[in-house]
C-alpha atoms as a PDB file:
ATOM      1  CA  UNK A   1       0.375 101.294  94.231  1.00  0.00           C
ATOM      2  CA  UNK A   2       3.516 100.768  92.433  1.00  0.00           C
ATOM      3  CA  UNK A   3       4.610 104.316  93.250  1.00  0.00           C
ATOM      4  CA  UNK A   4       3.763 103.796  96.926  1.00  0.00           C
ATOM      5  CA  UNK A   5       5.840 100.635  96.991  1.00  0.00           C
ATOM      6  CA  UNK A   6       8.816 102.456  95.426  1.00  0.00           C
ATOM      7  CA  UNK A   7       8.610 105.359  97.908  1.00  0.00           C
ATOM      8  CA  UNK A   8       8.501 102.938 100.802  1.00  0.00           C
ATOM      9  CA  UNK A   9      11.542 101.043  99.472  1.00  0.00           C
ATOM     10  CA  UNK A  10      13.401 104.289  99.025  1.00  0.00           C
ATOM     11  CA  UNK A  11      12.627 105.375 102.610  1.00  0.00           C
ATOM     12  CA  UNK A  12      13.749 101.986 103.919  1.00  0.00           C
ATOM     13  CA  UNK A  13      17.007 102.263 101.969  1.00  0.00           C
ATOM     14  CA  UNK A  14      17.619 105.734 103.422  1.00  0.00           C
ATOM     15  CA  UNK A  15      16.846 104.464 106.896  1.00  0.00           C
ATOM     16  CA  UNK A  16      19.312 101.548 106.542  1.00  0.00           C
ATOM     17  CA  UNK A  17      21.928 103.888 105.125  1.00  0.00           C
ATOM     18  CA  UNK A  18      21.527 106.303 108.060  1.00  0.00           C
ATOM     19  CA  UNK A  19      21.600 103.412 110.564  1.00  0.00           C
ATOM     20  CA  UNK A  20      24.803 102.089 108.960  1.00  0.00           C
ATOM     21  CA  UNK A  21      26.467 105.511 109.154  1.00  0.00           C
ATOM     22  CA  UNK A  22      25.543 105.853 112.831  1.00  0.00           C
ATOM     23  CA  UNK A  23      26.869 102.332 113.554  1.00  0.00           C
ATOM     24  CA  UNK A  24      30.105 103.097 111.721  1.00  0.00           C
ATOM     25  CA  UNK A  25      30.621 106.314 113.691  1.00  0.00           C
ATOM     26  CA  UNK A  26      29.881 104.515 116.947  1.00  0.00           C
ATOM     27  CA  UNK A  27      32.468 101.866 116.137  1.00  0.00           C
ATOM     28  CA  UNK A  28      35.109 104.523 115.440  1.00  0.00           C
ATOM     29  CA  UNK A  29      34.356 106.393 118.629  1.00  0.00           C
ATOM     30  CA  UNK A  30      34.624 103.097 120.558  1.00  0.00           C
ATOM     31  CA  UNK A  31      38.218 102.677 119.419  1.00  0.00           C
ATOM     32  CA  UNK A  32      39.022 106.213 120.446  1.00  0.00           C
ATOM     33  CA  UNK A  33      37.465 105.558 123.829  1.00  0.00           C
ATOM     34  CA  UNK A  34      39.802 102.609 124.397  1.00  0.00           C
ATOM     35  CA  UNK A  35      42.763 104.718 123.320  1.00  0.00           C
ATOM     36  CA  UNK A  36      41.759 107.561 125.628  1.00  0.00           C
ATOM     37  CA  UNK A  37      41.331 105.104 128.525  1.00  0.00           C
ATOM     38  CA  UNK A  38      44.856 103.694 127.908  1.00  0.00           C
ATOM     39  CA  UNK A  39      46.340 107.187 127.823  1.00  0.00           C
ATOM     40  CA  UNK A  40      44.637 108.123 131.111  1.00  0.00           C
ATOM     41  CA  UNK A  41      45.910 104.908 132.782  1.00  0.00           C
ATOM     42  CA  UNK A  42      49.453 105.556 131.576  1.00  0.00           C
ATOM     43  CA  UNK A  43      49.368 109.131 132.868  1.00  0.00           C
ATOM     44  CA  UNK A  44      48.105 107.917 136.264  1.00  0.00           C
ATOM     45  CA  UNK A  45      51.016 105.488 136.694  1.00  0.00           C
ATOM     46  CA  UNK A  46      54.006 106.705 138.665  1.00  0.00           C
ATOM     47  CA  UNK A  47      57.114 107.430 136.555  1.00  0.00           C
ATOM     48  CA  UNK A  48      60.319 105.425 136.970  1.00  0.00           C
ATOM     49  CA  UNK A  49      63.337 106.700 138.875  1.00  0.00           C
ATOM     50  CA  UNK A  50      66.362 107.784 136.850  1.00  0.00           C
ATOM     51  CA  UNK A  51      69.695 107.015 138.508  1.00  0.00           C
ATOM     52  CA  UNK A  52      71.967 110.039 138.932  1.00  0.00           C
ATOM     53  CA  UNK A  53      75.091 110.258 136.780  1.00  0.00           C
ATOM     54  CA  UNK A  54      78.260 108.926 138.397  1.00  0.00           C
ATOM     55  CA  UNK A  55      80.669 111.451 139.826  1.00  0.00           C
ATOM     56  CA  UNK A  56      83.508 112.282 137.449  1.00  0.00           C
ATOM     57  CA  UNK A  57      86.906 112.071 139.092  1.00  0.00           C
ATOM     58  CA  UNK A  58      89.449 114.683 137.978  1.00  0.00           C
ATOM     59  CA  UNK A  59      92.608 113.599 136.166  1.00  0.00           C
ATOM     60  CA  UNK A  60      95.978 113.808 137.835  1.00  0.00           C
ATOM     61  CA  UNK A  61      98.068 116.143 135.714  1.00  0.00           C
ATOM     62  CA  UNK A  62     101.741 115.623 134.978  1.00  0.00           C
ATOM     63  CA  UNK A  63     104.164 118.345 134.007  1.00  0.00           C
ATOM     64  CA  UNK A  64     107.110 117.078 131.935  1.00  0.00           C
ATOM     65  CA  UNK A  65     109.992 119.259 133.103  1.00  0.00           C
ATOM     66  CA  UNK A  66     113.043 117.282 131.904  1.00  0.00           C
ATOM     67  CA  UNK A  67     113.711 119.389 128.832  1.00  0.00           C
ATOM     68  CA  UNK A  68     117.212 117.936 128.450  1.00  0.00           C
ATOM     69  CA  UNK A  69     115.836 114.418 127.991  1.00  0.00           C
ATOM     70  CA  UNK A  70     113.973 112.831 125.127  1.00  0.00           C
ATOM     71  CA  UNK A  71     110.311 113.820 124.884  1.00  0.00           C
ATOM     72  CA  UNK A  72     107.976 110.828 125.216  1.00  0.00           C
ATOM     73  CA  UNK A  73     105.697 112.424 122.609  1.00  0.00           C
ATOM     74  CA  UNK A  74     108.227 112.745 119.788  1.00  0.00           C
ATOM     75  CA  UNK A  75     109.355 109.729 117.710  1.00  0.00           C
ATOM     76  CA  UNK A  76     112.983 108.748 118.163  1.00  0.00           C
ATOM     77  CA  UNK A  77     113.720 105.936 120.524  1.00  0.00           C
ATOM     78  CA  UNK A  78     116.463 105.412 123.007  1.00  0.00           C
ATOM     79  CA  UNK A  79     117.874 102.063 122.011  1.00  0.00           C
ATOM     80  CA  UNK A  80     120.942 100.765 120.286  1.00  0.00           C
ATOM     81  CA  UNK A  81     119.208 101.097 116.942  1.00  0.00           C
ATOM     82  CA  UNK A  82     118.274 104.761 117.224  1.00  0.00           C
ATOM     83  CA  UNK A  83     121.673 105.968 118.311  1.00  0.00           C
ATOM     84  CA  UNK A  84     123.760 103.598 116.190  1.00  0.00           C
ATOM     85  CA  UNK A  85     123.807 105.850 113.116  1.00  0.00           C
ATOM     86  CA  UNK A  86     122.412 103.091 110.867  1.00  0.00           C
ATOM     87  CA  UNK A  87     120.182 104.638 108.238  1.00  0.00           C
ATOM     88  CA  UNK A  88     119.074 103.708 104.732  1.00  0.00           C
ATOM     89  CA  UNK A  89     120.925 105.671 102.073  1.00  0.00           C
ATOM     90  CA  UNK A  90     118.163 107.680 100.403  1.00  0.00           C
ATOM     91  CA  UNK A  91     120.547 109.352  97.926  1.00  0.00           C
ATOM     92  CA  UNK A  92     121.787 106.240  96.116  1.00  0.00           C
ATOM     93  CA  UNK A  93     120.077 105.101  92.909  1.00  0.00           C
ATOM     94  CA  UNK A  94     117.654 102.188  93.407  1.00  0.00           C
ATOM     95  CA  UNK A  95     118.477  98.875  91.754  1.00  0.00           C
ATOM     96  CA  UNK A  96     116.009  96.744  89.757  1.00  0.00           C
ATOM     97  CA  UNK A  97     115.593  93.987  92.365  1.00  0.00           C
ATOM     98  CA  UNK A  98     114.707  96.428  95.153  1.00  0.00           C
ATOM     99  CA  UNK A  99     111.135  96.631  93.900  1.00  0.00           C
ATOM    100  CA  UNK A 100     110.489  93.013  94.961  1.00  0.00           C
ATOM    101  CA  UNK A 101     110.146  91.684  98.498  1.00  0.00           C
ATOM    102  CA  UNK A 102     112.660  88.964  99.403  1.00  0.00           C
ATOM    103  CA  UNK A 103     110.008  86.255  99.657  1.00  0.00           C
ATOM    104  CA  UNK A 104     109.083  86.734  95.981  1.00  0.00           C
ATOM    105  CA  UNK A 105     112.665  86.287  94.740  1.00  0.00           C
ATOM    106  CA  UNK A 106     113.927  82.743  94.082  1.00  0.00           C
ATOM    107  CA  UNK A 107     117.606  81.828  94.121  1.00  0.00           C
ATOM    108  CA  UNK A 108     118.003  79.432  91.188  1.00  0.00           C
ATOM    109  CA  UNK A 109     121.770  79.050  90.868  1.00  0.00           C
ATOM    110  CA  UNK A 110     125.207  80.606  90.485  1.00  0.00           C
ATOM    111  CA  UNK A 111     127.347  81.585  87.550  1.00  0.00           C
ATOM    112  CA  UNK A 112     131.142  81.936  87.384  1.00  0.00           C
ATOM    113  CA  UNK A 113     132.574  84.130  84.622  1.00  0.00           C
ATOM    114  CA  UNK A 114     136.322  84.377  84.993  1.00  0.00           C
ATOM    115  CA  UNK A 115     136.995  85.510  88.537  1.00  0.00           C
ATOM    116  CA  UNK A 116     133.532  87.028  88.959  1.00  0.00           C
ATOM    117  CA  UNK A 117     130.890  85.068  90.877  1.00  0.00           C
ATOM    118  CA  UNK A 118     127.178  85.812  90.236  1.00  0.00           C
ATOM    119  CA  UNK A 119     123.964  84.661  91.818  1.00  0.00           C
ATOM    120  CA  UNK A 120     120.896  84.053  89.668  1.00  0.00           C
ATOM    121  CA  UNK A 121     117.558  85.244  91.042  1.00  0.00           C
ATOM    122  CA  UNK A 122     114.186  84.594  89.419  1.00  0.00           C
ATOM    123  CA  UNK A 123     111.699  87.472  89.762  1.00  0.00           C
ATOM    124  CA  UNK A 124     107.904  86.978  89.959  1.00  0.00           C
ATOM    125  CA  UNK A 125     107.337  87.503  86.220  1.00  0.00           C
ATOM    126  CA  UNK A 126     109.745  84.642  85.391  1.00  0.00           C
ATOM    127  CA  UNK A 127     112.808  86.628  84.305  1.00  0.00           C
ATOM    128  CA  UNK A 128     116.221  85.745  85.767  1.00  0.00           C
ATOM    129  CA  UNK A 129     118.521  88.502  87.032  1.00  0.00           C
ATOM    130  CA  UNK A 130     122.245  88.338  87.851  1.00  0.00           C
ATOM    131  CA  UNK A 131     123.465  89.701  91.186  1.00  0.00           C
ATOM    132  CA  UNK A 132     126.862  89.983  92.801  1.00  0.00           C
ATOM    133  CA  UNK A 133     128.266  90.950  96.191  1.00  0.00           C
ATOM    134  CA  UNK A 134     127.436  94.593  96.932  1.00  0.00           C
ATOM    135  CA  UNK A 135     124.144  94.667  94.971  1.00  0.00           C
ATOM    136  CA  UNK A 136     120.956  95.734  96.731  1.00  0.00           C
ATOM    137  CA  UNK A 137     117.846  93.506  96.676  1.00  0.00           C
ATOM    138  CA  UNK A 138     114.500  93.470  98.478  1.00  0.00           C
ATOM    139  CA  UNK A 139     112.446  96.328  99.844  1.00  0.00           C
ATOM    140  CA  UNK A 140     114.426  96.846 103.072  1.00  0.00           C
ATOM    141  CA  UNK A 141     117.733  98.091 101.650  1.00  0.00           C
ATOM    142  CA  UNK A 142     119.164  94.570 101.633  1.00  0.00           C
ATOM    143  CA  UNK A 143     122.817  94.496 100.517  1.00  0.00           C
ATOM    144  CA  UNK A 144     124.366  91.214  99.398  1.00  0.00           C
ATOM    145  CA  UNK A 145     127.321  90.112 101.556  1.00  0.00           C
ATOM    146  CA  UNK A 146     128.143  86.669 100.159  1.00  0.00           C
ATOM    147  CA  UNK A 147     126.970  84.359  97.394  1.00  0.00           C
ATOM    148  CA  UNK A 148     127.430  80.654  98.095  1.00  0.00           C
ATOM    149  CA  UNK A 149     126.314  77.686  96.012  1.00  0.00           C
ATOM    150  CA  UNK A 150     123.221  77.138  98.198  1.00  0.00           C
ATOM    151  CA  UNK A 151     122.289  80.629  99.470  1.00  0.00           C
ATOM    152  CA  UNK A 152     122.727  84.380  99.217  1.00  0.00           C
ATOM    153  CA  UNK A 153     123.467  86.212 102.501  1.00  0.00           C
ATOM    154  CA  UNK A 154     122.558  89.847 102.878  1.00  0.00           C
ATOM    155  CA  UNK A 155     122.036  92.547 105.501  1.00  0.00           C
ATOM    156  CA  UNK A 156     118.821  94.580 105.596  1.00  0.00           C
ATOM    157  CA  UNK A 157     118.276  97.972 107.240  1.00  0.00           C
ATOM    158  CA  UNK A 158     114.873  97.922 108.979  1.00  0.00           C
ATOM    159  CA  UNK A 159     113.047 100.261 111.392  1.00  0.00           C
ATOM    160  CA  UNK A 160     113.580  99.398 115.069  1.00  0.00           C
ATOM    161  CA  UNK A 161     110.112 100.597 116.139  1.00  0.00           C
ATOM    162  CA  UNK A 162     111.587 103.461 118.157  1.00  0.00           C
ATOM    163  CA  UNK A 163     112.216 105.885 115.324  1.00  0.00           C
ATOM    164  CA  UNK A 164     115.633 104.534 114.350  1.00  0.00           C
ATOM    165  CA  UNK A 165     117.004 101.660 112.262  1.00  0.00           C
ATOM    166  CA  UNK A 166     118.885  98.431 112.857  1.00  0.00           C
ATOM    167  CA  UNK A 167     120.732  96.021 110.614  1.00  0.00           C
ATOM    168  CA  UNK A 168     119.217  92.557 110.286  1.00  0.00           C
ATOM    169  CA  UNK A 169     120.785  89.553 108.565  1.00  0.00           C
ATOM    170  CA  UNK A 170     118.727  87.745 105.917  1.00  0.00           C
ATOM    171  CA  UNK A 171     119.271  84.994 103.371  1.00  0.00           C
ATOM    172  CA  UNK A 172     117.675  83.517 100.275  1.00  0.00           C
ATOM    173  CA  UNK A 173     118.131  79.769  99.973  1.00  0.00           C
ATOM    174  CA  UNK A 174     118.468  77.790  96.768  1.00  0.00           C
ATOM    175  CA  UNK A 175     115.057  76.879  95.308  1.00  0.00           C
ATOM    176  CA  UNK A 176     114.448  73.360  94.066  1.00  0.00           C
END
C-alpha cells in the first residue's frame, strides 16, 4: 500500500506540474494577444497629415562691378584712420614696459636728476621702473609725451576697426 500511495502522489505531482505549465503558457499568450490587438488597432487608425515644405524663395544676386573702389569683402576701411598713414612701428625694438597693459602700471612719483625728468612706474611684480619722454609703455604702442608731477600723458596707436589705425591719447594718474 505504501507503494500505491507513492505512485499516486507522483502522478498528482506530475498532473499539477503539467497544469502549471499550461497555465503559464496561457498567461504568456494572453499578453501577446493584447499586444496583437493594440497593433491591429493602431494600423486601423488613419495616419496624420504632414504639412508640405514651404516654398523656397530664390536669392537676389548682386554683381559688384566697381573694381576701382574698395571691395566690401577685403579688410581696410575708408575712414580717417585707415588713410592717415598712422601705423605701429614693427621694426623698432620693444621696451620693457610694453609687456604690461596700462591699467597694471602704477605711477608712483617723479625723479629729477640734473636737467633730466623721470617718471617712476611700479609694475605688477612690485619693481619700479624709470621712464622719460619718448619711452614706449603699454601694449598699444603708447609713447610718452609729457611727465607731470601728477600724471604721465602718452599717445597710443590702436586699430580703428576698419583695418587701419588711429592715435588715441591716454594718461596714467598718480597712485596714492
